[in-house]
N, C-alpha and C. Protein backbone atom coordinates (compact mmCIF):
# COMPACT_ATOMS: atom_id res chain seq x y z
N MET A 1 12.25 -16.57 11.43
CA MET A 1 13.25 -16.20 10.46
C MET A 1 13.39 -14.68 10.38
N LEU A 2 12.27 -13.98 10.47
CA LEU A 2 12.34 -12.53 10.41
C LEU A 2 13.05 -11.95 11.63
N ASP A 3 12.95 -12.63 12.77
CA ASP A 3 13.66 -12.15 13.96
C ASP A 3 15.17 -12.21 13.76
N LYS A 4 15.64 -13.26 13.08
CA LYS A 4 17.07 -13.38 12.81
C LYS A 4 17.53 -12.32 11.82
N ILE A 5 16.70 -12.02 10.84
CA ILE A 5 17.06 -10.99 9.87
C ILE A 5 17.05 -9.62 10.53
N LYS A 6 16.09 -9.38 11.40
CA LYS A 6 16.01 -8.09 12.08
C LYS A 6 17.13 -7.87 13.08
N SER A 7 17.78 -8.94 13.54
CA SER A 7 18.87 -8.78 14.50
C SER A 7 20.18 -8.37 13.83
N ILE A 8 20.28 -8.49 12.51
CA ILE A 8 21.49 -8.10 11.78
C ILE A 8 21.49 -6.58 11.62
N PRO A 9 22.65 -5.93 11.77
CA PRO A 9 22.69 -4.46 11.59
C PRO A 9 22.26 -4.04 10.18
N GLU A 10 21.75 -2.82 10.08
CA GLU A 10 21.14 -2.38 8.83
C GLU A 10 22.14 -2.25 7.68
N LYS A 11 23.36 -1.81 7.96
CA LYS A 11 24.34 -1.66 6.89
C LYS A 11 24.75 -3.02 6.32
N VAL A 12 24.89 -4.00 7.20
CA VAL A 12 25.25 -5.34 6.75
C VAL A 12 24.10 -5.95 5.96
N THR A 13 22.89 -5.76 6.42
CA THR A 13 21.72 -6.29 5.74
C THR A 13 21.59 -5.68 4.34
N PHE A 14 21.75 -4.38 4.24
CA PHE A 14 21.64 -3.71 2.94
C PHE A 14 22.75 -4.17 2.00
N THR A 15 23.97 -4.31 2.52
CA THR A 15 25.10 -4.73 1.70
C THR A 15 24.92 -6.14 1.18
N ILE A 16 24.44 -7.04 2.02
CA ILE A 16 24.21 -8.42 1.59
C ILE A 16 23.11 -8.46 0.54
N GLY A 17 22.04 -7.72 0.75
CA GLY A 17 20.95 -7.69 -0.23
C GLY A 17 21.39 -7.14 -1.57
N LEU A 18 22.15 -6.07 -1.55
CA LEU A 18 22.63 -5.47 -2.79
C LEU A 18 23.61 -6.40 -3.49
N ALA A 19 24.47 -7.05 -2.73
CA ALA A 19 25.42 -7.99 -3.33
C ALA A 19 24.70 -9.19 -3.95
N LEU A 20 23.64 -9.65 -3.31
CA LEU A 20 22.87 -10.74 -3.90
C LEU A 20 22.25 -10.35 -5.23
N ILE A 21 21.72 -9.14 -5.29
CA ILE A 21 21.10 -8.68 -6.53
C ILE A 21 22.14 -8.50 -7.64
N LEU A 22 23.30 -7.97 -7.29
CA LEU A 22 24.31 -7.71 -8.31
C LEU A 22 25.10 -8.94 -8.73
N LEU A 23 25.34 -9.86 -7.82
CA LEU A 23 26.22 -10.99 -8.10
C LEU A 23 25.50 -12.29 -8.44
N SER A 24 24.24 -12.40 -8.15
CA SER A 24 23.55 -13.67 -8.41
C SER A 24 23.47 -14.02 -9.90
N PRO A 25 23.29 -13.07 -10.83
CA PRO A 25 23.29 -13.48 -12.24
C PRO A 25 24.62 -14.10 -12.68
N PHE A 26 25.73 -13.55 -12.18
CA PHE A 26 27.04 -14.11 -12.52
C PHE A 26 27.20 -15.51 -11.93
N CYS A 27 26.77 -15.69 -10.70
CA CYS A 27 26.87 -17.01 -10.08
C CYS A 27 26.02 -18.04 -10.81
N ILE A 28 24.83 -17.67 -11.20
CA ILE A 28 23.96 -18.59 -11.94
C ILE A 28 24.55 -18.89 -13.31
N PHE A 29 25.14 -17.88 -13.95
CA PHE A 29 25.76 -18.09 -15.25
C PHE A 29 26.93 -19.07 -15.15
N PHE A 30 27.80 -18.88 -14.17
CA PHE A 30 28.94 -19.77 -14.02
C PHE A 30 28.52 -21.15 -13.50
N MET A 31 27.46 -21.20 -12.74
CA MET A 31 26.96 -22.48 -12.27
C MET A 31 26.39 -23.31 -13.42
N SER A 32 25.90 -22.63 -14.45
CA SER A 32 25.34 -23.36 -15.59
C SER A 32 26.44 -24.07 -16.38
N PHE A 33 27.69 -23.65 -16.23
CA PHE A 33 28.78 -24.39 -16.87
C PHE A 33 29.07 -25.69 -16.15
N LEU A 34 28.92 -25.69 -14.83
CA LEU A 34 29.20 -26.90 -14.05
C LEU A 34 28.05 -27.90 -14.11
N PHE A 35 26.83 -27.38 -14.02
CA PHE A 35 25.64 -28.22 -14.03
C PHE A 35 24.74 -27.78 -15.17
N PRO A 36 24.21 -28.71 -15.94
CA PRO A 36 23.29 -28.31 -17.02
C PRO A 36 21.96 -27.85 -16.43
N LEU A 37 21.72 -26.55 -16.48
CA LEU A 37 20.49 -25.97 -15.94
C LEU A 37 19.62 -25.47 -17.07
N GLY A 38 18.35 -25.77 -17.00
CA GLY A 38 17.41 -25.24 -17.97
C GLY A 38 17.03 -23.81 -17.62
N ASN A 39 16.36 -23.16 -18.54
CA ASN A 39 15.96 -21.76 -18.31
C ASN A 39 14.97 -21.64 -17.16
N GLY A 40 14.08 -22.61 -17.03
CA GLY A 40 13.11 -22.57 -15.93
C GLY A 40 13.79 -22.70 -14.58
N THR A 41 14.79 -23.57 -14.50
CA THR A 41 15.52 -23.74 -13.24
C THR A 41 16.29 -22.47 -12.89
N LYS A 42 16.89 -21.84 -13.87
CA LYS A 42 17.61 -20.58 -13.62
C LYS A 42 16.65 -19.50 -13.13
N MET A 43 15.46 -19.45 -13.71
CA MET A 43 14.48 -18.45 -13.30
C MET A 43 14.00 -18.69 -11.87
N ILE A 44 13.80 -19.95 -11.51
CA ILE A 44 13.35 -20.27 -10.16
C ILE A 44 14.43 -19.92 -9.15
N ILE A 45 15.68 -20.30 -9.42
CA ILE A 45 16.79 -19.97 -8.51
C ILE A 45 16.93 -18.46 -8.39
N GLY A 46 16.87 -17.77 -9.52
CA GLY A 46 17.00 -16.31 -9.50
C GLY A 46 15.88 -15.63 -8.73
N SER A 47 14.66 -16.12 -8.88
CA SER A 47 13.55 -15.49 -8.17
C SER A 47 13.64 -15.72 -6.67
N VAL A 48 14.10 -16.88 -6.24
CA VAL A 48 14.27 -17.13 -4.80
C VAL A 48 15.37 -16.23 -4.24
N VAL A 49 16.47 -16.10 -4.97
CA VAL A 49 17.56 -15.23 -4.51
C VAL A 49 17.11 -13.77 -4.46
N TYR A 50 16.39 -13.32 -5.49
CA TYR A 50 15.90 -11.95 -5.49
C TYR A 50 14.89 -11.70 -4.38
N PHE A 51 14.08 -12.70 -4.07
CA PHE A 51 13.12 -12.55 -2.98
C PHE A 51 13.84 -12.28 -1.66
N PHE A 52 14.86 -13.09 -1.37
CA PHE A 52 15.61 -12.89 -0.13
C PHE A 52 16.39 -11.58 -0.14
N ALA A 53 16.90 -11.18 -1.31
CA ALA A 53 17.63 -9.92 -1.40
C ALA A 53 16.70 -8.73 -1.13
N VAL A 54 15.52 -8.76 -1.70
CA VAL A 54 14.56 -7.68 -1.47
C VAL A 54 14.11 -7.68 -0.02
N LEU A 55 13.95 -8.86 0.56
CA LEU A 55 13.58 -8.95 1.97
C LEU A 55 14.65 -8.31 2.86
N LEU A 56 15.91 -8.56 2.55
CA LEU A 56 17.00 -7.96 3.33
C LEU A 56 17.05 -6.44 3.15
N ILE A 57 16.87 -5.98 1.93
CA ILE A 57 16.92 -4.53 1.68
C ILE A 57 15.74 -3.82 2.35
N LEU A 58 14.56 -4.42 2.29
CA LEU A 58 13.41 -3.81 2.95
C LEU A 58 13.57 -3.80 4.46
N SER A 59 14.18 -4.82 5.01
CA SER A 59 14.44 -4.86 6.44
C SER A 59 15.40 -3.73 6.83
N ALA A 60 16.44 -3.53 6.03
CA ALA A 60 17.39 -2.44 6.31
C ALA A 60 16.70 -1.08 6.20
N ALA A 61 15.84 -0.93 5.21
CA ALA A 61 15.13 0.34 5.05
C ALA A 61 14.18 0.59 6.22
N ASP A 62 13.54 -0.46 6.70
CA ASP A 62 12.63 -0.32 7.84
C ASP A 62 13.40 0.08 9.09
N LYS A 63 14.55 -0.53 9.30
CA LYS A 63 15.37 -0.17 10.46
C LYS A 63 15.81 1.29 10.38
N ARG A 64 16.24 1.70 9.20
CA ARG A 64 16.69 3.08 9.04
C ARG A 64 15.54 4.06 9.22
N HIS A 65 14.38 3.71 8.68
CA HIS A 65 13.23 4.58 8.80
C HIS A 65 12.80 4.72 10.26
N SER A 66 12.80 3.62 10.99
CA SER A 66 12.40 3.70 12.39
C SER A 66 13.45 4.43 13.22
N ARG A 67 14.72 4.29 12.85
CA ARG A 67 15.79 5.00 13.58
C ARG A 67 15.70 6.49 13.31
N MET A 68 15.43 6.88 12.08
CA MET A 68 15.32 8.31 11.74
C MET A 68 14.07 8.90 12.37
N GLY A 69 13.02 8.12 12.50
CA GLY A 69 11.79 8.60 13.12
C GLY A 69 11.96 8.86 14.61
N ASN A 70 12.87 8.12 15.25
CA ASN A 70 13.09 8.31 16.68
C ASN A 70 13.87 9.58 16.98
N LYS A 71 14.66 10.08 16.02
CA LYS A 71 15.46 11.29 16.25
C LYS A 71 14.61 12.55 16.20
N MET A 72 13.51 12.52 15.49
CA MET A 72 12.69 13.73 15.35
C MET A 72 11.84 13.97 16.52
């Protein structure tokens, strides 16, 4: 799975991660109108989404750091 994430360009990876962090609370809020979700379920869904978002952002940062290190 990490190989697939590492194959995505860094700008796309960072943008997807940032969008997940910013938009996931709204999606969970609107999803709670369609499906009755308890607070525990919302927290579990949010933590899984945040985990993947942080993973994407850290991958983008690692790519950028290694690219900047190669120029020096």
